[in-house]
Amino acid sequence: MIEKDNMTIIGATRGFGRWIAEHLNDDFNITITSPDEVSGHEVAQELNVEYTSDNVEAVKNADIVIFSVPIEHMAETIREVAPHAKEGSLLMDVCSVKTEAAEALVKYAPENVEILPCHPMFGPRVPTIKRQIIVLTPIEKRADSWLGRVKKYLEESECEIVMTTPQEHDKYMSIVQGLTHFSFITLASTIKKLNINVKRSRSFSSPVYSLMLDMVSRVVYQNPYLYYSIQKNNKETSYARKTLIKEGTYLSKLIEDGKEEDFVKNIIESSEHMDEREEALIRSDKAIGMLSQKANILTKSIGREVGLQDSYSKNIYVGVVKKVTSKCIILENAAQREVSLKISSIDILSEKELFEWKKDNLELENFDLTVQLPSGCGKKYLIKMFENIEPVIDVKITALDQIRDSMTNFTFNYSTFKSVDKSYVEEYIKGIGGNIIES
């Protein structure tokens, strides 16, 4: 049995620290810390990991220490904890801003301790580490033995690794995160300032507007304190914000002054600067087309039963499709009540997923059926045959009664979702030559 490394996560009762504890628990012996003992014990019990409120004590036996605290507390937490790390261990942080955190690790980590600042480019809502981007910003001569091990683990986990410096990371993050967040937050604030009824605006919306509105809503719905921290602590974002505001003012003035050619020229030059323009059109077409595709699939299902899952609440809705519009679907459930759902916020269950949900959530109808068949029929083949009858959920043979050398009465107990399926099953058995024995 391979011995697992001990991992301590500083700050793991919520957010990304908790995500790490939950998703890496099978590969490491994990200890989490938090000053809030109540939530610390609750999360530790839920995730089946160890907990302590003492950060220093938690790192003394840790092979890997991951700092997952708010940006504004990162440097101070590293200062307090890093000097107590054991020889040969690895210290990492998952901060969205790398320069300050990296400097703190270099300054406070002992020389016999390795450091590897990193930035997972995803949030705690993702279900798996697979196919996610992880940015590593190794410091020269400070991760000689651990860097290869970390890269191997991430590659085997099917992650995409980006290698860079803390400074280059922060420069690009000022655009990838800082400018993107600021632009979307500004859009949301502007819509509020104009007193626009957002729900009403969706009635007039084009696919591009709907997609944009969803992205804006996604950003402003999440942690506003994190957005402020990113804007405040990544010094590069200040220049990006000022440039955005300056360009917005310049373009607005071109329109007001009637300078069409200058405005058009600016767009053309900006377009030429953008990378993968054709690929971007294809990707955005696919994103826009997803809603139409989903609506088309549901339209073809009118009059049939479907299963739908709310993307946010994860609630399952099962019923017959009654009506489909460009934005909504109306189901009639088993209680003959109509349920209206937004197409943009649902996922369509596959036939297998719907079957499993019904099996777990609906009260099944049970029947006994005695059938006279040749004595040479193998029980496992009869079970397989019965399972292939479409309405049948579960089946077992409960009795055998050999009435003569060549014939035996086989008694099956089977279940279906509906009582009316009993007739279908009996017709099927008669159709393959089975002689049903009436009880």
Protein backbone atom coordinates (compact mmCIF):
# COMPACT_ATOMS: atom_id res chain seq x y z
CA MET A 1 0.00 0.00 0.00
CA ILE A 2 1.41 3.40 -1.02
CA GLU A 3 1.75 5.79 1.92
CA LYS A 4 -0.06 9.07 1.32
CA ASP A 5 1.51 12.48 1.94
CA ASN A 6 0.13 14.63 4.74
CA MET A 7 -1.52 17.80 3.43
CA THR A 8 -2.57 20.77 5.55
CA ILE A 9 -4.94 23.35 4.07
CA ILE A 10 -4.87 26.67 5.88
CA GLY A 11 -8.42 28.02 5.60
CA ALA A 12 -10.61 25.21 4.30
CA THR A 13 -14.11 25.54 5.73
CA ARG A 14 -15.43 27.30 2.64
CA GLY A 15 -14.54 28.38 -0.87
CA PHE A 16 -11.61 26.87 -2.70
CA GLY A 17 -9.86 25.52 0.39
CA ARG A 18 -12.88 23.36 1.14
CA TRP A 19 -12.99 22.26 -2.52
CA ILE A 20 -9.38 21.05 -2.28
CA ALA A 21 -10.09 19.15 0.93
CA GLU A 22 -13.10 17.45 -0.63
CA HIS A 23 -11.62 16.55 -4.01
CA LEU A 24 -8.06 15.57 -2.96
CA ASN A 25 -9.12 13.59 0.10
CA ASP A 26 -8.57 10.21 -1.57
CA ASP A 27 -4.96 11.04 -2.46
CA PHE A 28 -3.72 12.75 0.73
CA ASN A 29 -4.11 12.63 4.50
CA ILE A 30 -5.75 16.01 4.91
CA THR A 31 -5.91 18.36 7.87
CA ILE A 32 -7.87 21.59 7.60
CA THR A 33 -7.64 24.71 9.74
CA SER A 34 -10.02 27.53 10.54
CA PRO A 35 -10.37 30.02 13.42
CA ASP A 36 -14.08 29.14 13.53
CA GLU A 37 -14.08 25.91 15.54
CA VAL A 38 -17.78 25.20 15.02
CA SER A 39 -17.63 25.26 11.21
CA GLY A 40 -14.18 23.66 11.29
CA HIS A 41 -15.43 20.58 13.15
CA GLU A 42 -18.57 20.41 10.98
CA VAL A 43 -16.65 20.50 7.70
CA ALA A 44 -14.02 18.05 8.95
CA GLN A 45 -16.71 15.59 9.96
CA GLU A 46 -18.56 16.02 6.67
CA LEU A 47 -15.43 15.50 4.56
CA ASN A 48 -13.85 12.91 6.87
CA VAL A 49 -10.64 14.90 7.39
CA GLU A 50 -8.77 16.17 10.45
CA TYR A 51 -9.28 19.65 11.90
CA THR A 52 -7.35 22.01 14.14
CA SER A 53 -7.71 25.71 14.92
CA ASP A 54 -3.93 26.03 15.38
CA ASN A 55 -2.26 26.86 12.05
CA VAL A 56 1.27 26.45 13.39
CA GLU A 57 0.58 23.07 14.95
CA ALA A 58 -1.13 21.92 11.75
CA VAL A 59 1.96 22.38 9.56
CA LYS A 60 4.57 20.74 11.78
CA ASN A 61 3.93 17.28 10.35
CA ALA A 62 2.65 18.32 6.91
CA ASP A 63 4.42 17.27 3.72
CA ILE A 64 2.40 19.83 1.74
CA VAL A 65 0.91 23.06 3.07
CA ILE A 66 -1.63 24.95 0.97
CA PHE A 67 -2.55 28.50 1.95
CA SER A 68 -6.15 29.24 0.98
CA VAL A 69 -7.03 32.46 2.77
CA PRO A 70 -8.33 35.82 1.45
CA ILE A 71 -5.82 37.79 -0.60
CA GLU A 72 -5.55 40.60 1.95
CA HIS A 73 -4.58 38.09 4.69
CA MET A 74 -2.27 35.91 2.61
CA ALA A 75 1.10 37.57 3.29
CA GLU A 76 0.46 37.87 7.04
CA THR A 77 -0.70 34.25 7.30
CA ILE A 78 2.40 33.06 5.44
CA ARG A 79 4.58 35.15 7.79
CA GLU A 80 3.02 33.51 10.83
CA VAL A 81 2.98 29.92 9.58
CA ALA A 82 5.78 29.34 7.05
CA PRO A 83 8.73 29.43 9.53
CA HIS A 84 7.25 26.39 11.33
CA ALA A 85 7.04 24.11 8.27
CA LYS A 86 9.01 20.90 8.53
CA GLU A 87 12.23 20.33 6.59
CA GLY A 88 11.67 19.09 3.04
CA SER A 89 8.01 20.07 2.92
CA LEU A 90 6.31 22.10 0.19
CA LEU A 91 4.44 25.36 0.72
CA MET A 92 1.89 26.46 -1.89
CA ASP A 93 -0.72 29.17 -2.12
CA VAL A 94 -3.80 29.34 -4.34
CA CYS A 95 -4.05 33.13 -4.38
CA SER A 96 -5.48 34.97 -7.40
CA VAL A 97 -2.63 37.49 -7.15
CA LYS A 98 0.82 35.95 -7.23
CA THR A 99 3.54 38.57 -6.78
CA GLU A 100 2.87 39.47 -3.15
CA ALA A 101 2.19 35.88 -2.10
CA ALA A 102 5.35 34.65 -3.83
CA GLU A 103 7.43 37.35 -2.16
CA ALA A 104 6.03 36.35 1.24
CA LEU A 105 6.83 32.67 0.64
CA VAL A 106 10.39 33.53 -0.41
CA LYS A 107 10.87 35.78 2.61
CA TYR A 108 9.38 33.61 5.37
CA ALA A 109 9.84 29.99 4.26
CA PRO A 110 13.04 28.41 5.63
CA GLU A 111 15.72 27.52 3.10
CA ASN A 112 15.15 23.79 3.71
CA VAL A 113 11.47 24.16 2.74
CA GLU A 114 10.37 24.35 -0.91
CA ILE A 115 7.78 26.77 -2.26
CA LEU A 116 5.52 26.73 -5.31
CA PRO A 117 2.99 29.56 -5.76
CA CYS A 118 0.08 28.46 -7.94
CA HIS A 119 -3.29 29.65 -9.20
CA PRO A 120 -6.07 27.20 -10.10
CA MET A 121 -8.02 28.90 -12.89
CA PHE A 122 -11.42 27.66 -11.76
CA GLY A 123 -13.77 28.12 -8.84
CA PRO A 124 -15.27 25.82 -6.24
CA ARG A 125 -18.36 25.14 -8.37
CA VAL A 126 -16.54 22.79 -10.79
CA PRO A 127 -17.20 19.08 -10.12
CA THR A 128 -13.72 17.75 -10.93
CA ILE A 129 -10.11 18.79 -11.38
CA LYS A 130 -10.01 17.11 -14.79
CA ARG A 131 -9.48 19.40 -17.79
CA GLN A 132 -8.95 22.43 -15.55
CA ILE A 133 -6.09 24.93 -15.96
CA ILE A 134 -3.54 25.26 -13.14
CA VAL A 135 -0.97 28.07 -13.31
CA LEU A 136 2.34 27.28 -11.59
CA THR A 137 4.82 30.07 -10.85
CA PRO A 138 7.94 28.31 -9.53
CA ILE A 139 10.70 30.37 -7.93
CA GLU A 140 14.22 29.53 -9.14
CA LYS A 141 15.96 26.92 -6.94
CA ARG A 142 13.04 26.79 -4.49
CA ALA A 143 11.08 23.79 -5.83
CA ASP A 144 13.78 21.44 -7.13
CA SER A 145 12.40 18.20 -5.70
CA TRP A 146 8.68 18.99 -5.50
CA LEU A 147 8.01 20.67 -8.86
CA GLY A 148 8.29 17.43 -10.85
CA ARG A 149 6.06 15.57 -8.39
CA VAL A 150 3.38 18.26 -8.50
CA LYS A 151 3.44 18.38 -12.30
CA LYS A 152 3.20 14.58 -12.52
CA TYR A 153 0.20 14.53 -10.15
CA LEU A 154 -1.60 17.27 -12.10
CA GLU A 155 -0.86 15.64 -15.46
CA GLU A 156 -2.14 12.28 -14.21
CA SER A 157 -5.25 14.14 -13.01
CA GLU A 158 -5.67 15.39 -16.63
CA CYS A 159 -5.08 19.05 -15.76
CA GLU A 160 -3.64 21.59 -18.16
CA ILE A 161 -0.54 23.22 -16.66
CA VAL A 162 0.67 26.73 -17.47
CA MET A 163 4.17 27.69 -16.31
CA THR A 164 5.05 31.36 -15.80
CA THR A 165 6.46 33.87 -13.33
CA PRO A 166 4.45 35.60 -10.60
CA GLN A 167 4.92 38.93 -12.38
CA GLU A 168 3.75 37.70 -15.79
CA HIS A 169 0.85 35.94 -14.09
CA ASP A 170 -0.35 39.17 -12.49
CA LYS A 171 -0.01 41.09 -15.75
CA TYR A 172 -2.24 38.66 -17.64
CA MET A 173 -4.61 38.21 -14.71
CA SER A 174 -5.21 41.96 -14.73
CA ILE A 175 -6.95 41.29 -18.06
CA VAL A 176 -8.24 37.71 -17.70
CA GLN A 177 -9.75 38.40 -14.28
CA GLY A 178 -9.38 42.06 -13.37
CA LEU A 179 -10.57 43.72 -16.57
CA THR A 180 -13.22 41.06 -17.24
CA HIS A 181 -14.72 41.34 -13.76
CA PHE A 182 -14.57 45.13 -13.81
CA SER A 183 -16.25 45.31 -17.22
CA PHE A 184 -19.09 42.98 -16.21
CA ILE A 185 -19.57 44.68 -12.84
CA THR A 186 -19.68 48.05 -14.63
CA LEU A 187 -22.28 46.70 -17.08
CA ALA A 188 -24.45 45.48 -14.21
CA SER A 189 -24.10 48.78 -12.41
CA THR A 190 -24.99 50.70 -15.58
CA ILE A 191 -28.12 48.58 -16.17
CA LYS A 192 -29.16 49.29 -12.57
CA LYS A 193 -28.43 53.02 -12.96
CA LEU A 194 -30.58 53.14 -16.11
CA ASN A 195 -33.38 51.46 -14.13
CA ILE A 196 -33.78 48.73 -16.75
CA ASN A 197 -36.13 45.87 -15.92
CA VAL A 198 -33.78 42.97 -16.66
CA LYS A 199 -36.50 40.34 -16.85
CA ARG A 200 -38.44 42.51 -19.29
CA SER A 201 -35.29 43.17 -21.34
CA ARG A 202 -34.89 39.44 -21.93
CA SER A 203 -38.17 39.56 -23.87
CA PHE A 204 -36.42 41.75 -26.46
CA SER A 205 -33.06 40.01 -26.24
CA SER A 206 -30.91 38.67 -29.03
CA PRO A 207 -28.92 35.48 -28.37
CA VAL A 208 -25.76 37.58 -27.85
CA TYR A 209 -27.49 39.76 -25.26
CA SER A 210 -28.84 36.72 -23.43
CA LEU A 211 -25.39 35.14 -23.32
CA MET A 212 -23.80 38.40 -22.16
CA LEU A 213 -26.46 38.91 -19.50
CA ASP A 214 -25.88 35.41 -18.17
CA MET A 215 -22.14 36.05 -17.89
CA VAL A 216 -22.69 39.41 -16.18
CA SER A 217 -25.15 37.80 -13.76
CA ARG A 218 -22.71 34.96 -13.09
CA VAL A 219 -19.99 37.40 -12.05
CA VAL A 220 -22.04 39.75 -9.87
CA TYR A 221 -23.84 36.83 -8.21
CA GLN A 222 -20.62 35.49 -6.70
CA ASN A 223 -18.28 36.78 -3.98
CA PRO A 224 -18.05 40.61 -4.24
CA TYR A 225 -15.32 40.77 -1.60
CA LEU A 226 -13.11 38.53 -3.72
CA TYR A 227 -13.61 40.81 -6.73
CA TYR A 228 -12.63 43.84 -4.67
CA SER A 229 -9.54 42.01 -3.37
CA ILE A 230 -8.43 41.11 -6.89
CA GLN A 231 -8.92 44.69 -8.08
CA LYS A 232 -7.16 46.14 -5.05
CA ASN A 233 -4.26 43.74 -4.60
CA ASN A 234 -3.19 43.12 -8.19
CA LYS A 235 -1.46 46.41 -8.93
CA GLU A 236 -1.63 45.74 -12.69
CA THR A 237 -5.44 46.03 -12.67
CA SER A 238 -5.28 49.75 -11.91
CA TYR A 239 -3.63 50.45 -15.25
CA ALA A 240 -6.05 48.10 -17.05
CA ARG A 241 -9.10 49.83 -15.52
CA LYS A 242 -7.83 53.31 -16.35
CA THR A 243 -7.09 52.24 -19.93
CA LEU A 244 -10.59 50.76 -20.30
CA ILE A 245 -12.22 53.96 -19.04
CA LYS A 246 -10.01 56.09 -21.29
CA GLU A 247 -10.83 53.99 -24.37
CA GLY A 248 -14.54 54.06 -23.54
CA THR A 249 -14.47 57.85 -23.29
CA TYR A 250 -12.52 58.14 -26.56
CA LEU A 251 -14.91 55.86 -28.50
CA SER A 252 -17.96 57.59 -27.07
CA LYS A 253 -16.59 60.97 -28.19
CA LEU A 254 -15.97 59.62 -31.72
CA ILE A 255 -19.68 58.74 -31.92
CA GLU A 256 -20.83 62.07 -30.49
CA ASP A 257 -18.57 63.96 -32.90
CA GLY A 258 -19.85 61.96 -35.86
CA LYS A 259 -16.43 60.51 -36.70
CA GLU A 260 -17.69 57.32 -38.30
CA GLU A 261 -14.49 56.45 -40.15
CA ASP A 262 -12.35 56.78 -37.02
CA PHE A 263 -14.80 54.65 -35.06
CA VAL A 264 -14.88 51.95 -37.76
CA LYS A 265 -11.09 52.05 -38.11
CA ASN A 266 -10.72 51.48 -34.39
CA ILE A 267 -12.99 48.42 -34.50
CA ILE A 268 -11.12 46.96 -37.52
CA GLU A 269 -7.73 47.47 -35.87
CA SER A 270 -9.01 45.93 -32.64
CA SER A 271 -10.44 42.99 -34.57
CA GLU A 272 -7.10 42.39 -36.28
CA HIS A 273 -5.38 42.36 -32.89
CA MET A 274 -7.72 39.69 -31.52
CA ASP A 275 -6.41 36.13 -31.79
CA GLU A 276 -8.30 33.17 -33.29
CA ARG A 277 -11.10 35.32 -34.72
CA GLU A 278 -12.68 32.58 -36.80
CA GLU A 279 -12.38 30.06 -33.98
CA ALA A 280 -13.96 32.61 -31.64
CA LEU A 281 -16.93 32.96 -33.97
CA ILE A 282 -17.37 29.20 -34.10
CA ARG A 283 -17.14 28.86 -30.32
CA SER A 284 -19.57 31.71 -29.70
CA ASP A 285 -21.95 30.32 -32.35
CA LYS A 286 -21.95 27.01 -30.50
CA ALA A 287 -22.62 28.71 -27.18
CA ILE A 288 -25.46 30.74 -28.67
CA GLY A 289 -26.80 27.73 -30.54
CA MET A 290 -26.99 25.56 -27.43
CA LEU A 291 -30.20 27.25 -26.29
CA SER A 292 -31.82 26.82 -29.70
CA GLN A 293 -30.65 23.21 -29.90
CA LYS A 294 -32.09 22.46 -26.47
CA ALA A 295 -35.39 24.10 -27.43
CA ASN A 296 -35.50 22.06 -30.66
CA ILE A 297 -34.92 18.78 -28.77
CA LEU A 298 -37.67 19.62 -26.29
CA THR A 299 -40.05 20.69 -29.07
CA LYS A 300 -39.67 17.24 -30.65
CA SER A 301 -40.53 15.75 -27.25
CA ILE A 302 -43.97 17.42 -27.00
CA GLY A 303 -46.44 14.82 -25.77
CA ARG A 304 -43.68 12.60 -24.39
CA GLU A 305 -42.23 12.19 -20.92
CA VAL A 306 -38.86 13.84 -20.18
CA GLY A 307 -36.66 14.43 -17.17
CA LEU A 308 -35.11 17.87 -16.58
CA GLN A 309 -32.61 19.02 -13.96
CA ASP A 310 -32.33 22.60 -12.73
CA SER A 311 -28.67 23.55 -13.28
CA TYR A 312 -28.53 25.57 -10.06
CA SER A 313 -30.77 23.83 -7.50
CA LYS A 314 -30.18 20.34 -9.01
CA ASN A 315 -33.88 19.60 -8.54
CA ILE A 316 -35.30 17.01 -10.95
CA TYR A 317 -38.57 17.60 -12.80
CA VAL A 318 -40.29 14.74 -14.63
CA GLY A 319 -43.39 15.09 -16.75
CA VAL A 320 -44.96 15.20 -20.18
CA VAL A 321 -43.91 18.13 -22.38
CA LYS A 322 -46.94 20.32 -23.07
CA LYS A 323 -45.45 23.45 -24.64
CA VAL A 324 -42.05 24.86 -25.63
CA THR A 325 -41.21 28.51 -26.35
CA SER A 326 -37.85 30.11 -27.14
CA LYS A 327 -37.24 30.61 -23.41
CA CYS A 328 -39.48 28.23 -21.44
CA ILE A 329 -40.80 24.69 -21.33
CA ILE A 330 -44.06 23.65 -19.69
CA LEU A 331 -44.32 20.15 -18.21
CA GLU A 332 -47.34 18.34 -16.84
CA ASN A 333 -46.22 16.25 -13.88
CA ALA A 334 -47.73 13.08 -12.41
CA ALA A 335 -50.12 15.18 -10.31
CA GLN A 336 -51.36 16.77 -13.58
CA ARG A 337 -49.95 20.13 -12.54
CA GLU A 338 -48.12 22.33 -15.03
CA VAL A 339 -44.54 23.34 -14.26
CA SER A 340 -42.79 26.13 -16.20
CA LEU A 341 -38.99 26.06 -16.43
CA LYS A 342 -36.42 28.29 -18.15
CA ILE A 343 -34.66 26.40 -20.94
CA SER A 344 -31.41 28.27 -20.24
CA SER A 345 -31.24 26.91 -16.69
CA ILE A 346 -32.05 23.23 -17.24
CA ASP A 347 -30.27 20.10 -18.43
CA ILE A 348 -32.08 17.27 -20.19
CA LEU A 349 -31.67 13.89 -18.52
CA SER A 350 -30.65 10.97 -20.70
CA GLU A 351 -32.97 7.97 -20.92
CA LYS A 352 -30.73 6.08 -18.50
CA GLU A 353 -30.66 8.99 -16.01
CA LEU A 354 -34.44 9.35 -16.19
CA PHE A 355 -34.88 5.61 -15.65
CA GLU A 356 -32.60 5.62 -12.58
CA TRP A 357 -34.39 8.65 -11.11
CA LYS A 358 -37.79 7.03 -11.55
CA LYS A 359 -36.53 3.77 -10.08
CA ASP A 360 -35.22 5.60 -6.99
CA ASN A 361 -38.10 8.03 -6.52
CA LEU A 362 -41.34 6.44 -7.72
CA GLU A 363 -43.38 3.77 -5.96
CA LEU A 364 -43.13 0.67 -8.14
CA GLU A 365 -45.96 -1.71 -9.05
CA ASN A 366 -45.18 -5.36 -8.21
CA PHE A 367 -46.66 -8.45 -9.89
CA ASP A 368 -46.33 -12.22 -9.75
CA LEU A 369 -46.60 -14.15 -12.99
CA THR A 370 -46.45 -17.91 -13.45
CA VAL A 371 -45.46 -19.09 -16.93
CA GLN A 372 -45.26 -22.65 -18.25
CA LEU A 373 -42.03 -23.10 -20.21
CA PRO A 374 -39.76 -25.93 -21.33
CA SER A 375 -37.84 -27.39 -18.37
CA GLY A 376 -34.53 -26.86 -20.16
CA CYS A 377 -34.82 -23.07 -19.99
CA GLY A 378 -31.89 -21.63 -18.03
CA LYS A 379 -32.91 -19.30 -15.19
CA LYS A 380 -30.30 -16.63 -15.96
CA TYR A 381 -31.41 -16.49 -19.61
CA LEU A 382 -35.07 -16.20 -18.58
CA ILE A 383 -34.15 -13.31 -16.26
CA LYS A 384 -32.29 -11.57 -19.09
CA MET A 385 -35.24 -12.08 -21.41
CA PHE A 386 -37.63 -10.64 -18.84
CA GLU A 387 -35.36 -7.65 -18.16
CA ASN A 388 -35.46 -6.81 -21.86
CA ILE A 389 -39.22 -6.29 -21.76
CA GLU A 390 -39.38 -2.48 -21.91
CA PRO A 391 -41.60 -1.65 -18.88
CA VAL A 392 -39.88 -4.13 -16.52
CA ILE A 393 -37.69 -2.60 -13.81
CA ASP A 394 -36.62 -5.55 -11.64
CA VAL A 395 -37.36 -9.25 -11.93
CA LYS A 396 -36.57 -12.45 -10.07
CA ILE A 397 -37.70 -16.08 -10.18
CA THR A 398 -39.48 -16.91 -6.92
CA ALA A 399 -40.68 -20.49 -7.56
CA LEU A 400 -40.19 -23.51 -9.79
CA ASP A 401 -42.77 -26.29 -10.20
CA GLN A 402 -41.88 -29.09 -12.59
CA ILE A 403 -45.20 -30.47 -13.83
CA ARG A 404 -43.71 -33.12 -16.14
CA ASP A 405 -40.30 -33.95 -17.56
CA SER A 406 -40.49 -31.47 -20.40
CA MET A 407 -42.39 -28.55 -18.82
CA THR A 408 -41.94 -26.42 -15.71
CA ASN A 409 -43.98 -23.60 -14.18
CA PHE A 410 -41.69 -20.62 -13.56
CA THR A 411 -43.05 -17.96 -11.18
CA PHE A 412 -41.61 -14.49 -11.75
CA ASN A 413 -41.90 -11.48 -9.48
CA TYR A 414 -41.40 -8.27 -11.43
CA SER A 415 -41.94 -4.54 -11.03
CA THR A 416 -42.95 -1.72 -13.38
CA PHE A 417 -43.61 2.01 -13.05
CA LYS A 418 -47.31 1.72 -13.98
CA SER A 419 -50.00 -0.86 -13.25
CA VAL A 420 -51.16 -0.76 -16.89
CA ASP A 421 -47.79 -2.22 -17.91
CA LYS A 422 -48.95 -5.61 -16.58
CA SER A 423 -51.00 -6.23 -19.74
CA TYR A 424 -48.05 -5.35 -22.00
CA VAL A 425 -45.78 -7.80 -20.15
CA GLU A 426 -48.32 -10.63 -20.38
CA GLU A 427 -48.88 -10.05 -24.11
CA TYR A 428 -45.12 -10.10 -24.61
CA ILE A 429 -44.78 -13.45 -22.77
CA LYS A 430 -47.63 -14.95 -24.81
CA GLY A 431 -46.01 -13.63 -27.98
CA ILE A 432 -42.82 -15.63 -27.39
CA GLY A 433 -44.80 -18.85 -26.73
CA GLY A 434 -45.13 -18.72 -22.95
CA ASN A 435 -48.24 -20.30 -21.46
CA ILE A 436 -49.47 -18.10 -18.60
CA ILE A 437 -50.95 -20.05 -15.70
CA GLU A 438 -53.82 -18.19 -14.10
CA SER A 439 -53.67 -18.05 -10.30
